[in-house]
Amino acid sequence: MVAANITVNPSYLTFEGTPDGPKTFDITSDQAFTLSADASWFQIDTESGEAGQTMTVTVTCDPSELSQMREGSVNVLAGETEIRIPVIQGAAGQAVEPFISIVEGNSFTFKADAGTFDVTVQSNVDYEYEVTEGSSWLSIAPQTKALVS
């Protein structure tokens, strides 16, 4: 087998929590190829393509009911070359670009009179956000930041 030369444009797809409609990407390969979706919440309209022809692939995404964004991929296999086209969807009711959310569902309820509580914030962009104290009885510990890939 020989490595394939595969071109994809755009190189990833994003959907809002409630998608506006399908999205497309163009793919060209110097070898025949197969396509597969690795998640059940989105569908692709074709499973294969011919060498040397540019093909437009349509991806349809189901509405999300989750409080977190989700990611899957369209996998392309041509010869011995495999590439992954990320498909990213925002949480229910959320946009993806940019997306910042409290992981537990965009709000946090304190269930005790005193104590320490951790609130996890997620984002798909390196986006600055500010956390403020809304009451005199509430104090905020220093924030930590991590990149998850």
C-alpha atoms as a PDB file:
ATOM      1  CA  MET A   1       0.000   0.000   0.000  1.00  0.00           C
ATOM      2  CA  VAL A   2       1.010   3.582  -0.643  1.00  0.00           C
ATOM      3  CA  ALA A   3       0.297   6.684   1.436  1.00  0.00           C
ATOM      4  CA  ALA A   4      -2.517   8.814   0.034  1.00  0.00           C
ATOM      5  CA  ASN A   5      -2.553  12.564  -0.511  1.00  0.00           C
ATOM      6  CA  ILE A   6      -5.863  13.710   1.019  1.00  0.00           C
ATOM      7  CA  THR A   7      -7.096  17.324   1.129  1.00  0.00           C
ATOM      8  CA  VAL A   8     -10.068  18.421   3.243  1.00  0.00           C
ATOM      9  CA  ASN A   9     -11.651  21.875   3.430  1.00  0.00           C
ATOM     10  CA  PRO A  10     -12.633  22.948   6.031  1.00  0.00           C
ATOM     11  CA  SER A  11     -10.530  20.727   8.298  1.00  0.00           C
ATOM     12  CA  TYR A  12     -13.194  20.558  11.057  1.00  0.00           C
ATOM     13  CA  LEU A  13     -16.951  21.175  11.509  1.00  0.00           C
ATOM     14  CA  THR A  14     -18.745  22.889  14.390  1.00  0.00           C
ATOM     15  CA  PHE A  15     -22.430  22.738  15.258  1.00  0.00           C
ATOM     16  CA  GLU A  16     -24.436  24.678  17.794  1.00  0.00           C
ATOM     17  CA  GLY A  17     -26.313  22.709  20.471  1.00  0.00           C
ATOM     18  CA  THR A  18     -29.403  23.108  18.302  1.00  0.00           C
ATOM     19  CA  PRO A  19     -27.960  22.916  14.768  1.00  0.00           C
ATOM     20  CA  ASP A  20     -29.074  25.457  12.150  1.00  0.00           C
ATOM     21  CA  GLY A  21     -28.819  22.757   9.499  1.00  0.00           C
ATOM     22  CA  PRO A  22     -26.275  20.469   7.856  1.00  0.00           C
ATOM     23  CA  LYS A  23     -22.649  21.446   7.182  1.00  0.00           C
ATOM     24  CA  THR A  24     -20.372  20.343   4.351  1.00  0.00           C
ATOM     25  CA  PHE A  25     -16.703  19.759   3.667  1.00  0.00           C
ATOM     26  CA  ASP A  26     -14.871  19.075   0.403  1.00  0.00           C
ATOM     27  CA  ILE A  27     -12.498  16.160   0.123  1.00  0.00           C
ATOM     28  CA  THR A  28     -10.044  15.146  -2.607  1.00  0.00           C
ATOM     29  CA  SER A  29      -7.720  12.155  -2.588  1.00  0.00           C
ATOM     30  CA  ASP A  30      -5.294  10.656  -5.070  1.00  0.00           C
ATOM     31  CA  GLN A  31      -6.683   7.234  -4.065  1.00  0.00           C
ATOM     32  CA  ALA A  32     -10.199   5.879  -3.609  1.00  0.00           C
ATOM     33  CA  PHE A  33     -11.325   6.393  -0.008  1.00  0.00           C
ATOM     34  CA  THR A  34     -13.944   5.396   2.544  1.00  0.00           C
ATOM     35  CA  LEU A  35     -15.647   7.611   5.133  1.00  0.00           C
ATOM     36  CA  SER A  36     -17.177   6.673   8.469  1.00  0.00           C
ATOM     37  CA  ALA A  37     -18.720   8.560  11.403  1.00  0.00           C
ATOM     38  CA  ASP A  38     -17.418   7.513  14.812  1.00  0.00           C
ATOM     39  CA  ALA A  39     -20.467   8.783  16.748  1.00  0.00           C
ATOM     40  CA  SER A  40     -24.196   8.144  16.437  1.00  0.00           C
ATOM     41  CA  TRP A  41     -25.252  11.815  16.988  1.00  0.00           C
ATOM     42  CA  PHE A  42     -24.181  12.923  13.513  1.00  0.00           C
ATOM     43  CA  GLN A  43     -24.576  11.357  10.077  1.00  0.00           C
ATOM     44  CA  ILE A  44     -22.648  11.601   6.791  1.00  0.00           C
ATOM     45  CA  ASP A  45     -24.342  11.344   3.395  1.00  0.00           C
ATOM     46  CA  THR A  46     -21.773   9.090   1.713  1.00  0.00           C
ATOM     47  CA  GLU A  47     -19.377   6.309   2.633  1.00  0.00           C
ATOM     48  CA  SER A  48     -16.856   6.374  -0.233  1.00  0.00           C
ATOM     49  CA  GLY A  49     -15.255   8.467  -2.943  1.00  0.00           C
ATOM     50  CA  GLU A  50     -13.186   7.995  -6.091  1.00  0.00           C
ATOM     51  CA  ALA A  51      -9.563   8.978  -6.662  1.00  0.00           C
ATOM     52  CA  GLY A  52      -8.901  12.374  -8.227  1.00  0.00           C
ATOM     53  CA  GLN A  53     -12.406  13.791  -7.820  1.00  0.00           C
ATOM     54  CA  THR A  54     -13.408  16.508  -5.368  1.00  0.00           C
ATOM     55  CA  MET A  55     -16.441  15.377  -3.405  1.00  0.00           C
ATOM     56  CA  THR A  56     -18.688  17.460  -1.153  1.00  0.00           C
ATOM     57  CA  VAL A  57     -19.749  15.541   1.960  1.00  0.00           C
ATOM     58  CA  THR A  58     -22.808  16.658   3.936  1.00  0.00           C
ATOM     59  CA  VAL A  59     -22.852  16.134   7.707  1.00  0.00           C
ATOM     60  CA  THR A  60     -26.143  16.340   9.625  1.00  0.00           C
ATOM     61  CA  CYS A  61     -26.063  16.710  13.410  1.00  0.00           C
ATOM     62  CA  ASP A  62     -28.780  15.803  15.924  1.00  0.00           C
ATOM     63  CA  PRO A  63     -29.719  18.409  18.569  1.00  0.00           C
ATOM     64  CA  SER A  64     -27.760  18.003  21.805  1.00  0.00           C
ATOM     65  CA  GLU A  65     -29.435  17.412  25.164  1.00  0.00           C
ATOM     66  CA  LEU A  66     -26.139  17.456  27.075  1.00  0.00           C
ATOM     67  CA  SER A  67     -24.681  20.083  29.425  1.00  0.00           C
ATOM     68  CA  GLN A  68     -21.233  19.578  27.859  1.00  0.00           C
ATOM     69  CA  MET A  69     -19.970  19.980  24.341  1.00  0.00           C
ATOM     70  CA  ARG A  70     -19.200  16.776  22.490  1.00  0.00           C
ATOM     71  CA  GLU A  71     -16.717  15.764  19.814  1.00  0.00           C
ATOM     72  CA  GLY A  72     -16.668  13.012  17.255  1.00  0.00           C
ATOM     73  CA  SER A  73     -14.990  12.630  13.909  1.00  0.00           C
ATOM     74  CA  VAL A  74     -15.421  11.650  10.314  1.00  0.00           C
ATOM     75  CA  ASN A  75     -12.680   9.138   9.621  1.00  0.00           C
ATOM     76  CA  VAL A  76     -11.211   8.936   6.118  1.00  0.00           C
ATOM     77  CA  LEU A  77      -9.239   5.902   4.971  1.00  0.00           C
ATOM     78  CA  ALA A  78      -7.346   5.907   1.655  1.00  0.00           C
ATOM     79  CA  GLY A  79      -4.661   3.281   1.083  1.00  0.00           C
ATOM     80  CA  GLU A  80      -2.577   3.246   4.245  1.00  0.00           C
ATOM     81  CA  THR A  81      -3.493   6.823   5.165  1.00  0.00           C
ATOM     82  CA  GLU A  82      -6.157   7.605   7.727  1.00  0.00           C
ATOM     83  CA  ILE A  83      -7.192  11.129   8.720  1.00  0.00           C
ATOM     84  CA  ARG A  84      -9.711  12.435  11.221  1.00  0.00           C
ATOM     85  CA  ILE A  85     -12.041  15.401  10.609  1.00  0.00           C
ATOM     86  CA  PRO A  86     -13.270  16.654  14.003  1.00  0.00           C
ATOM     87  CA  VAL A  87     -17.013  17.289  14.431  1.00  0.00           C
ATOM     88  CA  ILE A  88     -17.668  19.465  17.488  1.00  0.00           C
ATOM     89  CA  GLN A  89     -21.063  20.326  18.947  1.00  0.00           C
ATOM     90  CA  GLY A  90     -21.903  22.774  21.715  1.00  0.00           C
ATOM     91  CA  ALA A  91     -23.982  21.861  24.740  1.00  0.00           C
ATOM     92  CA  ALA A  92     -27.777  22.022  24.575  1.00  0.00           C
ATOM     93  CA  GLY A  93     -28.847  25.506  23.568  1.00  0.00           C
ATOM     94  CA  GLN A  94     -25.254  26.746  23.282  1.00  0.00           C
ATOM     95  CA  ALA A  95     -23.204  28.131  20.419  1.00  0.00           C
ATOM     96  CA  VAL A  96     -19.762  26.716  19.786  1.00  0.00           C
ATOM     97  CA  GLU A  97     -17.671  29.672  18.627  1.00  0.00           C
ATOM     98  CA  PRO A  98     -16.685  30.792  21.268  1.00  0.00           C
ATOM     99  CA  PHE A  99     -18.196  28.533  23.883  1.00  0.00           C
ATOM    100  CA  ILE A 100     -17.837  28.863  27.655  1.00  0.00           C
ATOM    101  CA  SER A 101     -20.036  26.914  30.042  1.00  0.00           C
ATOM    102  CA  ILE A 102     -20.263  25.628  33.591  1.00  0.00           C
ATOM    103  CA  VAL A 103     -19.965  21.859  33.156  1.00  0.00           C
ATOM    104  CA  GLU A 104     -22.845  21.121  35.528  1.00  0.00           C
ATOM    105  CA  GLY A 105     -25.317  22.986  33.294  1.00  0.00           C
ATOM    106  CA  ASN A 106     -24.671  26.766  33.194  1.00  0.00           C
ATOM    107  CA  SER A 107     -25.675  27.374  36.812  1.00  0.00           C
ATOM    108  CA  PHE A 108     -24.543  26.135  40.210  1.00  0.00           C
ATOM    109  CA  THR A 109     -26.673  25.762  43.345  1.00  0.00           C
ATOM    110  CA  PHE A 110     -25.023  25.584  46.764  1.00  0.00           C
ATOM    111  CA  LYS A 111     -26.570  22.748  48.759  1.00  0.00           C
ATOM    112  CA  ALA A 112     -25.039  23.497  52.185  1.00  0.00           C
ATOM    113  CA  ASP A 113     -24.638  26.407  54.559  1.00  0.00           C
ATOM    114  CA  ALA A 114     -20.842  26.286  54.519  1.00  0.00           C
ATOM    115  CA  GLY A 115     -18.047  24.502  52.785  1.00  0.00           C
ATOM    116  CA  THR A 116     -15.883  24.473  49.719  1.00  0.00           C
ATOM    117  CA  PHE A 117     -17.342  23.863  46.289  1.00  0.00           C
ATOM    118  CA  ASP A 118     -15.601  23.290  42.980  1.00  0.00           C
ATOM    119  CA  VAL A 119     -17.202  24.586  39.801  1.00  0.00           C
ATOM    120  CA  THR A 120     -15.717  23.364  36.525  1.00  0.00           C
ATOM    121  CA  VAL A 121     -15.836  25.668  33.514  1.00  0.00           C
ATOM    122  CA  GLN A 122     -15.239  24.388  29.978  1.00  0.00           C
ATOM    123  CA  SER A 123     -14.365  26.274  26.831  1.00  0.00           C
ATOM    124  CA  ASN A 124     -13.439  25.381  23.276  1.00  0.00           C
ATOM    125  CA  VAL A 125     -11.295  28.507  22.877  1.00  0.00           C
ATOM    126  CA  ASP A 126      -8.548  30.152  24.894  1.00  0.00           C
ATOM    127  CA  TYR A 127     -10.976  32.819  26.038  1.00  0.00           C
ATOM    128  CA  GLU A 128     -10.583  35.060  29.054  1.00  0.00           C
ATOM    129  CA  TYR A 129     -13.493  35.079  31.486  1.00  0.00           C
ATOM    130  CA  GLU A 130     -13.994  36.676  34.872  1.00  0.00           C
ATOM    131  CA  VAL A 131     -15.434  35.153  38.013  1.00  0.00           C
ATOM    132  CA  THR A 132     -16.839  37.614  40.542  1.00  0.00           C
ATOM    133  CA  GLU A 133     -18.122  37.366  44.084  1.00  0.00           C
ATOM    134  CA  GLY A 134     -21.825  38.196  44.116  1.00  0.00           C
ATOM    135  CA  SER A 135     -22.285  38.309  47.900  1.00  0.00           C
ATOM    136  CA  SER A 136     -20.225  39.220  50.949  1.00  0.00           C
ATOM    137  CA  TRP A 137     -20.472  35.647  52.276  1.00  0.00           C
ATOM    138  CA  LEU A 138     -18.897  34.178  49.120  1.00  0.00           C
ATOM    139  CA  SER A 139     -15.176  34.127  48.382  1.00  0.00           C
ATOM    140  CA  ILE A 140     -13.420  32.805  45.294  1.00  0.00           C
ATOM    141  CA  ALA A 141     -10.175  30.835  45.475  1.00  0.00           C
ATOM    142  CA  PRO A 142      -7.479  31.358  42.834  1.00  0.00           C
ATOM    143  CA  GLN A 143      -8.473  29.888  39.500  1.00  0.00           C
ATOM    144  CA  THR A 144      -6.590  27.182  37.656  1.00  0.00           C
ATOM    145  CA  LYS A 145      -6.600  26.671  33.916  1.00  0.00           C
ATOM    146  CA  ALA A 146      -5.912  23.548  31.880  1.00  0.00           C
ATOM    147  CA  LEU A 147      -5.951  22.679  28.221  1.00  0.00           C
ATOM    148  CA  VAL A 148      -7.803  19.483  27.368  1.00  0.00           C
ATOM    149  CA  SER A 149      -7.309  17.988  23.963  1.00  0.00           C
END
